[in-house]
Amino acid sequence: MVKVTFSFDDETVRLLRVTADRLRKSQSLVVREAIAEYGARSGRLTEAERRRMLGVVDAMMKRPSTGSSADVAQELREVRRARRHGGRRHPAE
């Protein structure tokens, strides 16, 4: 383990000590677990971000399609052909 030094405000230190006592864990362990949990959550979307993105998808789904059925069928054929032959051999348009 590496020893590091941090500065915390009084309330954070009080909360750390209370939490460590309540959980019967060392303060260092409580800090390590808190950082691990924060790190795991930091890559996730917040509730506000999630709702905004779902709103964008909902708005897209409400818009009418701009392509014809024939255009969609042709694109699907091209995608399937590309997958069978190892991917696109030319830049996407």
PDB file of N, CA and C in Angstrom:
ATOM      1  N   MET A   1       0.840  -1.185   0.000  1.00  0.00           N
ATOM      2  CA  MET A   1       0.000   0.000   0.000  1.00  0.00           C
ATOM      3  C   MET A   1       0.873   1.232   0.000  1.00  0.00           C
ATOM      4  N   VAL A   2       0.312   2.284  -0.563  1.00  0.00           N
ATOM      5  CA  VAL A   2       0.994   3.566  -0.621  1.00  0.00           C
ATOM      6  C   VAL A   2       0.360   4.486   0.410  1.00  0.00           C
ATOM      7  N   LYS A   3       1.177   5.169   1.154  1.00  0.00           N
ATOM      8  CA  LYS A   3       0.666   6.105   2.143  1.00  0.00           C
ATOM      9  C   LYS A   3       0.554   7.478   1.499  1.00  0.00           C
ATOM     10  N   VAL A   4      -0.633   8.106   1.635  1.00  0.00           N
ATOM     11  CA  VAL A   4      -0.871   9.433   1.077  1.00  0.00           C
ATOM     12  C   VAL A   4      -1.476  10.323   2.150  1.00  0.00           C
ATOM     13  N   THR A   5      -1.426  11.614   1.915  1.00  0.00           N
ATOM     14  CA  THR A   5      -1.967  12.580   2.868  1.00  0.00           C
ATOM     15  C   THR A   5      -3.015  13.434   2.177  1.00  0.00           C
ATOM     16  N   PHE A   6      -4.172  13.578   2.824  1.00  0.00           N
ATOM     17  CA  PHE A   6      -5.251  14.424   2.325  1.00  0.00           C
ATOM     18  C   PHE A   6      -5.667  15.379   3.415  1.00  0.00           C
ATOM     19  N   SER A   7      -6.264  16.483   3.021  1.00  0.00           N
ATOM     20  CA  SER A   7      -6.822  17.433   3.979  1.00  0.00           C
ATOM     21  C   SER A   7      -8.332  17.402   3.840  1.00  0.00           C
ATOM     22  N   PHE A   8      -9.029  17.186   4.968  1.00  0.00           N
ATOM     23  CA  PHE A   8     -10.486  17.163   4.985  1.00  0.00           C
ATOM     24  C   PHE A   8     -10.989  18.246   5.923  1.00  0.00           C
ATOM     25  N   ASP A   9     -12.174  18.746   5.642  1.00  0.00           N
ATOM     26  CA  ASP A   9     -12.793  19.706   6.547  1.00  0.00           C
ATOM     27  C   ASP A   9     -13.289  18.958   7.784  1.00  0.00           C
ATOM     28  N   ASP A  10     -13.602  19.696   8.833  1.00  0.00           N
ATOM     29  CA  ASP A  10     -13.991  19.096  10.114  1.00  0.00           C
ATOM     30  C   ASP A  10     -15.200  18.175   9.992  1.00  0.00           C
ATOM     31  N   GLU A  11     -16.209  18.590   9.218  1.00  0.00           N
ATOM     32  CA  GLU A  11     -17.420  17.781   9.092  1.00  0.00           C
ATOM     33  C   GLU A  11     -17.133  16.460   8.387  1.00  0.00           C
ATOM     34  N   THR A  12     -16.269  16.474   7.379  1.00  0.00           N
ATOM     35  CA  THR A  12     -15.913  15.242   6.673  1.00  0.00           C
ATOM     36  C   THR A  12     -15.172  14.292   7.601  1.00  0.00           C
ATOM     37  N   VAL A  13     -14.274  14.820   8.407  1.00  0.00           N
ATOM     38  CA  VAL A  13     -13.535  13.981   9.365  1.00  0.00           C
ATOM     39  C   VAL A  13     -14.495  13.396  10.396  1.00  0.00           C
ATOM     40  N   ARG A  14     -15.425  14.217  10.874  1.00  0.00           N
ATOM     41  CA  ARG A  14     -16.403  13.721  11.852  1.00  0.00           C
ATOM     42  C   ARG A  14     -17.226  12.588  11.243  1.00  0.00           C
ATOM     43  N   LEU A  15     -17.701  12.795  10.016  1.00  0.00           N
ATOM     44  CA  LEU A  15     -18.508  11.784   9.341  1.00  0.00           C
ATOM     45  C   LEU A  15     -17.692  10.508   9.082  1.00  0.00           C
ATOM     46  N   LEU A  16     -16.444  10.661   8.718  1.00  0.00           N
ATOM     47  CA  LEU A  16     -15.563   9.510   8.511  1.00  0.00           C
ATOM     48  C   LEU A  16     -15.409   8.712   9.797  1.00  0.00           C
ATOM     49  N   ARG A  17     -15.160   9.394  10.892  1.00  0.00           N
ATOM     50  CA  ARG A  17     -14.977   8.703  12.177  1.00  0.00           C
ATOM     51  C   ARG A  17     -16.253   8.004  12.638  1.00  0.00           C
ATOM     52  N   VAL A  18     -17.383   8.682  12.511  1.00  0.00           N
ATOM     53  CA  VAL A  18     -18.668   8.092  12.897  1.00  0.00           C
ATOM     54  C   VAL A  18     -18.958   6.861  12.044  1.00  0.00           C
ATOM     55  N   THR A  19     -18.732   6.984  10.756  1.00  0.00           N
ATOM     56  CA  THR A  19     -18.992   5.867   9.844  1.00  0.00           C
ATOM     57  C   THR A  19     -18.068   4.697  10.134  1.00  0.00           C
ATOM     58  N   ALA A  20     -16.805   4.966  10.336  1.00  0.00           N
ATOM     59  CA  ALA A  20     -15.844   3.900  10.633  1.00  0.00           C
ATOM     60  C   ALA A  20     -16.213   3.195  11.941  1.00  0.00           C
ATOM     61  N   ASP A  21     -16.590   3.954  12.951  1.00  0.00           N
ATOM     62  CA  ASP A  21     -17.000   3.356  14.227  1.00  0.00           C
ATOM     63  C   ASP A  21     -18.260   2.511  14.057  1.00  0.00           C
ATOM     64  N   ARG A  22     -19.242   3.046  13.349  1.00  0.00           N
ATOM     65  CA  ARG A  22     -20.496   2.326  13.161  1.00  0.00           C
ATOM     66  C   ARG A  22     -20.295   1.030  12.393  1.00  0.00           C
ATOM     67  N   LEU A  23     -19.449   1.068  11.372  1.00  0.00           N
ATOM     68  CA  LEU A  23     -19.193  -0.125  10.553  1.00  0.00           C
ATOM     69  C   LEU A  23     -18.115  -1.031  11.134  1.00  0.00           C
ATOM     70  N   ARG A  24     -17.460  -0.540  12.185  1.00  0.00           N
ATOM     71  CA  ARG A  24     -16.348  -1.273  12.809  1.00  0.00           C
ATOM     72  C   ARG A  24     -15.256  -1.603  11.791  1.00  0.00           C
ATOM     73  N   LYS A  25     -14.919  -0.564  11.018  1.00  0.00           N
ATOM     74  CA  LYS A  25     -13.857  -0.664  10.019  1.00  0.00           C
ATOM     75  C   LYS A  25     -12.868   0.466  10.276  1.00  0.00           C
ATOM     76  N   SER A  26     -11.670   0.308   9.745  1.00  0.00           N
ATOM     77  CA  SER A  26     -10.701   1.393   9.882  1.00  0.00           C
ATOM     78  C   SER A  26     -11.121   2.563   9.001  1.00  0.00           C
ATOM     79  N   GLN A  27     -10.671   3.735   9.387  1.00  0.00           N
ATOM     80  CA  GLN A  27     -10.975   4.913   8.593  1.00  0.00           C
ATOM     81  C   GLN A  27     -10.380   4.776   7.187  1.00  0.00           C
ATOM     82  N   SER A  28      -9.197   4.195   7.093  1.00  0.00           N
ATOM     83  CA  SER A  28      -8.570   3.995   5.781  1.00  0.00           C
ATOM     84  C   SER A  28      -9.421   3.099   4.899  1.00  0.00           C
ATOM     85  N   LEU A  29      -9.980   2.037   5.485  1.00  0.00           N
ATOM     86  CA  LEU A  29     -10.815   1.126   4.713  1.00  0.00           C
ATOM     87  C   LEU A  29     -12.088   1.831   4.244  1.00  0.00           C
ATOM     88  N   VAL A  30     -12.680   2.638   5.111  1.00  0.00           N
ATOM     89  CA  VAL A  30     -13.890   3.385   4.739  1.00  0.00           C
ATOM     90  C   VAL A  30     -13.574   4.323   3.569  1.00  0.00           C
ATOM     91  N   VAL A  31     -12.445   5.000   3.619  1.00  0.00           N
ATOM     92  CA  VAL A  31     -12.055   5.908   2.531  1.00  0.00           C
ATOM     93  C   VAL A  31     -11.816   5.115   1.254  1.00  0.00           C
ATOM     94  N   ARG A  32     -11.098   3.986   1.322  1.00  0.00           N
ATOM     95  CA  ARG A  32     -10.850   3.168   0.129  1.00  0.00           C
ATOM     96  C   ARG A  32     -12.155   2.683  -0.491  1.00  0.00           C
ATOM     97  N   GLU A  33     -13.086   2.191   0.345  1.00  0.00           N
ATOM     98  CA  GLU A  33     -14.367   1.713  -0.165  1.00  0.00           C
ATOM     99  C   GLU A  33     -15.178   2.855  -0.781  1.00  0.00           C
ATOM    100  N   ALA A  34     -15.140   4.019  -0.151  1.00  0.00           N
ATOM    101  CA  ALA A  34     -15.882   5.176  -0.673  1.00  0.00           C
ATOM    102  C   ALA A  34     -15.326   5.595  -2.034  1.00  0.00           C
ATOM    103  N   ILE A  35     -14.014   5.602  -2.166  1.00  0.00           N
ATOM    104  CA  ILE A  35     -13.400   5.981  -3.442  1.00  0.00           C
ATOM    105  C   ILE A  35     -13.717   4.945  -4.507  1.00  0.00           C
ATOM    106  N   ALA A  36     -13.681   3.665  -4.156  1.00  0.00           N
ATOM    107  CA  ALA A  36     -14.009   2.612  -5.116  1.00  0.00           C
ATOM    108  C   ALA A  36     -15.453   2.743  -5.590  1.00  0.00           C
ATOM    109  N   GLU A  37     -16.367   3.000  -4.669  1.00  0.00           N
ATOM    110  CA  GLU A  37     -17.777   3.162  -5.034  1.00  0.00           C
ATOM    111  C   GLU A  37     -17.981   4.395  -5.898  1.00  0.00           C
ATOM    112  N   TYR A  38     -17.329   5.491  -5.548  1.00  0.00           N
ATOM    113  CA  TYR A  38     -17.440   6.722  -6.329  1.00  0.00           C
ATOM    114  C   TYR A  38     -16.887   6.503  -7.734  1.00  0.00           C
ATOM    115  N   GLY A  39     -15.765   5.815  -7.829  1.00  0.00           N
ATOM    116  CA  GLY A  39     -15.178   5.531  -9.132  1.00  0.00           C
ATOM    117  C   GLY A  39     -16.086   4.681  -9.997  1.00  0.00           C
ATOM    118  N   ALA A  40     -16.742   3.713  -9.395  1.00  0.00           N
ATOM    119  CA  ALA A  40     -17.656   2.844 -10.140  1.00  0.00           C
ATOM    120  C   ALA A  40     -18.863   3.626 -10.647  1.00  0.00           C
ATOM    121  N   ARG A  41     -19.338   4.574  -9.869  1.00  0.00           N
ATOM    122  CA  ARG A  41     -20.509   5.355 -10.258  1.00  0.00           C
ATOM    123  C   ARG A  41     -20.176   6.480 -11.217  1.00  0.00           C
ATOM    124  N   SER A  42     -18.935   6.931 -11.233  1.00  0.00           N
ATOM    125  CA  SER A  42     -18.595   8.125 -12.010  1.00  0.00           C
ATOM    126  C   SER A  42     -18.756   7.933 -13.510  1.00  0.00           C
ATOM    127  N   GLY A  43     -18.689   6.691 -13.994  1.00  0.00           N
ATOM    128  CA  GLY A  43     -18.863   6.441 -15.415  1.00  0.00           C
ATOM    129  C   GLY A  43     -20.309   6.298 -15.843  1.00  0.00           C
ATOM    130  N   ARG A  44     -21.203   6.238 -14.902  1.00  0.00           N
ATOM    131  CA  ARG A  44     -22.628   6.071 -15.216  1.00  0.00           C
ATOM    132  C   ARG A  44     -23.292   7.414 -15.462  1.00  0.00           C
ATOM    133  N   LEU A  45     -24.394   7.370 -16.185  1.00  0.00           N
ATOM    134  CA  LEU A  45     -25.165   8.585 -16.426  1.00  0.00           C
ATOM    135  C   LEU A  45     -25.899   8.988 -15.161  1.00  0.00           C
ATOM    136  N   THR A  46     -26.033  10.283 -14.975  1.00  0.00           N
ATOM    137  CA  THR A  46     -26.887  10.749 -13.883  1.00  0.00           C
ATOM    138  C   THR A  46     -28.339  10.554 -14.319  1.00  0.00           C
ATOM    139  N   GLU A  47     -29.248  10.640 -13.386  1.00  0.00           N
ATOM    140  CA  GLU A  47     -30.674  10.491 -13.716  1.00  0.00           C
ATOM    141  C   GLU A  47     -31.106  11.560 -14.716  1.00  0.00           C
ATOM    142  N   ALA A  48     -30.609  12.781 -14.545  1.00  0.00           N
ATOM    143  CA  ALA A  48     -30.962  13.864 -15.476  1.00  0.00           C
ATOM    144  C   ALA A  48     -30.425  13.569 -16.880  1.00  0.00           C
ATOM    145  N   GLU A  49     -29.187  13.076 -16.969  1.00  0.00           N
ATOM    146  CA  GLU A  49     -28.619  12.739 -18.283  1.00  0.00           C
ATOM    147  C   GLU A  49     -29.400  11.608 -18.938  1.00  0.00           C
ATOM    148  N   ARG A  50     -29.748  10.605 -18.145  1.00  0.00           N
ATOM    149  CA  ARG A  50     -30.498   9.469 -18.668  1.00  0.00           C
ATOM    150  C   ARG A  50     -31.854   9.918 -19.219  1.00  0.00           C
ATOM    151  N   ARG A  51     -32.553  10.754 -18.472  1.00  0.00           N
ATOM    152  CA  ARG A  51     -33.862  11.250 -18.920  1.00  0.00           C
ATOM    153  C   ARG A  51     -33.740  12.096 -20.184  1.00  0.00           C
ATOM    154  N   ARG A  52     -32.691  12.924 -20.258  1.00  0.00           N
ATOM    155  CA  ARG A  52     -32.489  13.754 -21.445  1.00  0.00           C
ATOM    156  C   ARG A  52     -32.244  12.880 -22.662  1.00  0.00           C
ATOM    157  N   MET A  53     -31.406  11.862 -22.520  1.00  0.00           N
ATOM    158  CA  MET A  53     -31.109  10.984 -23.651  1.00  0.00           C
ATOM    159  C   MET A  53     -32.347  10.193 -24.079  1.00  0.00           C
ATOM    160  N   LEU A  54     -33.125   9.725 -23.117  1.00  0.00           N
ATOM    161  CA  LEU A  54     -34.362   9.018 -23.462  1.00  0.00           C
ATOM    162  C   LEU A  54     -35.336   9.957 -24.172  1.00  0.00           C
ATOM    163  N   GLY A  55     -35.351  11.215 -23.765  1.00  0.00           N
ATOM    164  CA  GLY A  55     -36.201  12.198 -24.439  1.00  0.00           C
ATOM    165  C   GLY A  55     -35.789  12.396 -25.892  1.00  0.00           C
ATOM    166  N   VAL A  56     -34.485  12.400 -26.138  1.00  0.00           N
ATOM    167  CA  VAL A  56     -33.991  12.538 -27.510  1.00  0.00           C
ATOM    168  C   VAL A  56     -34.419  11.331 -28.344  1.00  0.00           C
ATOM    169  N   VAL A  57     -34.295  10.134 -27.784  1.00  0.00           N
ATOM    170  CA  VAL A  57     -34.708   8.927 -28.503  1.00  0.00           C
ATOM    171  C   VAL A  57     -36.210   8.966 -28.776  1.00  0.00           C
ATOM    172  N   ASP A  58     -36.991   9.349 -27.774  1.00  0.00           N
ATOM    173  CA  ASP A  58     -38.446   9.451 -27.969  1.00  0.00           C
ATOM    174  C   ASP A  58     -38.780  10.437 -29.084  1.00  0.00           C
ATOM    175  N   ALA A  59     -38.094  11.581 -29.110  1.00  0.00           N
ATOM    176  CA  ALA A  59     -38.342  12.578 -30.155  1.00  0.00           C
ATOM    177  C   ALA A  59     -37.975  12.025 -31.527  1.00  0.00           C
ATOM    178  N   MET A  60     -36.873  11.278 -31.609  1.00  0.00           N
ATOM    179  CA  MET A  60     -36.467  10.684 -32.887  1.00  0.00           C
ATOM    180  C   MET A  60     -37.507   9.670 -33.362  1.00  0.00           C
ATOM    181  N   MET A  61     -38.040   8.900 -32.441  1.00  0.00           N
ATOM    182  CA  MET A  61     -39.015   7.871 -32.810  1.00  0.00           C
ATOM    183  C   MET A  61     -40.316   8.482 -33.317  1.00  0.00           C
ATOM    184  N   LYS A  62     -40.640   9.689 -32.884  1.00  0.00           N
ATOM    185  CA  LYS A  62     -41.882  10.342 -33.304  1.00  0.00           C
ATOM    186  C   LYS A  62     -41.774  10.948 -34.697  1.00  0.00           C
ATOM    187  N   ARG A  63     -40.526  11.217 -35.142  1.00  0.00           N
ATOM    188  CA  ARG A  63     -40.355  11.809 -36.476  1.00  0.00           C
ATOM    189  C   ARG A  63     -40.611  10.777 -37.557  1.00  0.00           C
ATOM    190  N   PRO A  64     -41.269  11.189 -38.614  1.00  0.00           N
ATOM    191  CA  PRO A  64     -41.519  10.237 -39.702  1.00  0.00           C
ATOM    192  C   PRO A  64     -40.217   9.868 -40.410  1.00  0.00           C
ATOM    193  N   SER A  65     -40.180   8.666 -40.927  1.00  0.00           N
ATOM    194  CA  SER A  65     -39.015   8.188 -41.661  1.00  0.00           C
ATOM    195  C   SER A  65     -38.830   9.005 -42.927  1.00  0.00           C
ATOM    196  N   THR A  66     -37.583   9.293 -43.270  1.00  0.00           N
ATOM    197  CA  THR A  66     -37.318  10.083 -44.475  1.00  0.00           C
ATOM    198  C   THR A  66     -36.957   9.199 -45.662  1.00  0.00           C
ATOM    199  N   GLY A  67     -36.702   7.933 -45.421  1.00  0.00           N
ATOM    200  CA  GLY A  67     -36.327   7.025 -46.502  1.00  0.00           C
ATOM    201  C   GLY A  67     -37.482   6.125 -46.888  1.00  0.00           C
ATOM    202  N   SER A  68     -37.382   5.596 -48.085  1.00  0.00           N
ATOM    203  CA  SER A  68     -38.427   4.673 -48.537  1.00  0.00           C
ATOM    204  C   SER A  68     -38.111   3.263 -48.047  1.00  0.00           C
ATOM    205  N   SER A  69     -39.078   2.386 -48.151  1.00  0.00           N
ATOM    206  CA  SER A  69     -38.882   0.982 -47.778  1.00  0.00           C
ATOM    207  C   SER A  69     -37.780   0.357 -48.626  1.00  0.00           C
ATOM    208  N   ALA A  70     -37.721   0.735 -49.895  1.00  0.00           N
ATOM    209  CA  ALA A  70     -36.688   0.202 -50.786  1.00  0.00           C
ATOM    210  C   ALA A  70     -35.299   0.646 -50.325  1.00  0.00           C
ATOM    211  N   ASP A  71     -35.166   1.902 -49.870  1.00  0.00           N
ATOM    212  CA  ASP A  71     -33.878   2.393 -49.374  1.00  0.00           C
ATOM    213  C   ASP A  71     -33.434   1.604 -48.142  1.00  0.00           C
ATOM    214  N   VAL A  72     -34.367   1.358 -47.238  1.00  0.00           N
ATOM    215  CA  VAL A  72     -34.069   0.597 -46.025  1.00  0.00           C
ATOM    216  C   VAL A  72     -33.652  -0.825 -46.381  1.00  0.00           C
ATOM    217  N   ALA A  73     -34.394  -1.464 -47.269  1.00  0.00           N
ATOM    218  CA  ALA A  73     -34.073  -2.838 -47.678  1.00  0.00           C
ATOM    219  C   ALA A  73     -32.695  -2.898 -48.319  1.00  0.00           C
ATOM    220  N   GLN A  74     -32.357  -1.913 -49.161  1.00  0.00           N
ATOM    221  CA  GLN A  74     -31.047  -1.884 -49.813  1.00  0.00           C
ATOM    222  C   GLN A  74     -29.939  -1.720 -48.776  1.00  0.00           C
ATOM    223  N   GLU A  75     -30.136  -0.846 -47.824  1.00  0.00           N
ATOM    224  CA  GLU A  75     -29.113  -0.634 -46.792  1.00  0.00           C
ATOM    225  C   GLU A  75     -28.914  -1.897 -45.961  1.00  0.00           C
ATOM    226  N   LEU A  76     -30.000  -2.576 -45.618  1.00  0.00           N
ATOM    227  CA  LEU A  76     -29.887  -3.822 -44.860  1.00  0.00           C
ATOM    228  C   LEU A  76     -29.126  -4.876 -45.658  1.00  0.00           C
ATOM    229  N   ARG A  77     -29.393  -4.976 -46.956  1.00  0.00           N
ATOM    230  CA  ARG A  77     -28.655  -5.926 -47.801  1.00  0.00           C
ATOM    231  C   ARG A  77     -27.167  -5.615 -47.789  1.00  0.00           C
ATOM    232  N   GLU A  78     -26.824  -4.332 -47.884  1.00  0.00           N
ATOM    233  CA  GLU A  78     -25.420  -3.920 -47.882  1.00  0.00           C
ATOM    234  C   GLU A  78     -24.750  -4.240 -46.555  1.00  0.00           C
ATOM    235  N   VAL A  79     -25.431  -4.003 -45.462  1.00  0.00           N
ATOM    236  CA  VAL A  79     -24.876  -4.298 -44.140  1.00  0.00           C
ATOM    237  C   VAL A  79     -24.642  -5.799 -43.996  1.00  0.00           C
ATOM    238  N   ARG A  80     -25.623  -6.591 -44.382  1.00  0.00           N
ATOM    239  CA  ARG A  80     -25.487  -8.049 -44.278  1.00  0.00           C
ATOM    240  C   ARG A  80     -24.349  -8.561 -45.152  1.00  0.00           C
ATOM    241  N   ARG A  81     -24.238  -8.030 -46.347  1.00  0.00           N
ATOM    242  CA  ARG A  81     -23.166  -8.437 -47.259  1.00  0.00           C
ATOM    243  C   ARG A  81     -21.811  -8.076 -46.652  1.00  0.00           C
ATOM    244  N   ALA A  82     -21.692  -6.888 -46.098  1.00  0.00           N
ATOM    245  CA  ALA A  82     -20.441  -6.449 -45.489  1.00  0.00           C
ATOM    246  C   ALA A  82     -20.064  -7.336 -44.308  1.00  0.00           C
ATOM    247  N   ARG A  83     -21.042  -7.721 -43.507  1.00  0.00           N
ATOM    248  CA  ARG A  83     -20.768  -8.589 -42.355  1.00  0.00           C
ATOM    249  C   ARG A  83     -20.288  -9.963 -42.796  1.00  0.00           C
ATOM    250  N   ARG A  84     -20.881 -10.488 -43.845  1.00  0.00           N
ATOM    251  CA  ARG A  84     -20.473 -11.810 -44.334  1.00  0.00           C
ATOM    252  C   ARG A  84     -19.062 -11.795 -44.911  1.00  0.00           C
ATOM    253  N   HIS A  85     -18.630 -10.640 -45.382  1.00  0.00           N
ATOM    254  CA  HIS A  85     -17.334 -10.552 -46.050  1.00  0.00           C
ATOM    255  C   HIS A  85     -16.303  -9.769 -45.246  1.00  0.00           C
ATOM    256  N   GLY A  86     -16.459  -9.741 -43.936  1.00  0.00           N
ATOM    257  CA  GLY A  86     -15.428  -9.138 -43.083  1.00  0.00           C
ATOM    258  C   GLY A  86     -15.494  -7.632 -42.918  1.00  0.00           C
ATOM    259  N   GLY A  87     -16.625  -7.045 -43.140  1.00  0.00           N
ATOM    260  CA  GLY A  87     -16.790  -5.613 -42.908  1.00  0.00           C
ATOM    261  C   GLY A  87     -16.682  -4.786 -44.162  1.00  0.00           C
ATOM    262  N   ARG A  88     -16.810  -3.477 -43.983  1.00  0.00           N
ATOM    263  CA  ARG A  88     -16.779  -2.568 -45.136  1.00  0.00           C
ATOM    264  C   ARG A  88     -15.367  -2.494 -45.706  1.00  0.00           C
ATOM    265  N   ARG A  89     -15.283  -2.447 -46.993  1.00  0.00           N
ATOM    266  CA  ARG A  89     -13.993  -2.316 -47.670  1.00  0.00           C
ATOM    267  C   ARG A  89     -13.832  -0.908 -48.251  1.00  0.00           C
ATOM    268  N   HIS A  90     -14.809  -0.077 -47.990  1.00  0.00           N
ATOM    269  CA  HIS A  90     -14.772   1.303 -48.474  1.00  0.00           C
ATOM    270  C   HIS A  90     -15.288   2.201 -47.361  1.00  0.00           C
ATOM    271  N   PRO A  91     -14.953   3.482 -47.396  1.00  0.00           N
ATOM    272  CA  PRO A  91     -15.418   4.384 -46.341  1.00  0.00           C
ATOM    273  C   PRO A  91     -16.940   4.499 -46.332  1.00  0.00           C
ATOM    274  N   ALA A  92     -17.484   4.655 -45.144  1.00  0.00           N
ATOM    275  CA  ALA A  92     -18.931   4.853 -45.022  1.00  0.00           C
ATOM    276  C   ALA A  92     -19.301   6.184 -45.648  1.00  0.00           C
ATOM    277  N   GLU A  93     -20.472   6.231 -46.243  1.00  0.00           N
ATOM    278  CA  GLU A  93     -20.930   7.474 -46.876  1.00  0.00           C
ATOM    279  C   GLU A  93     -21.602   8.369 -45.889  1.00  0.00           C
TER     280      GLU A  93
END
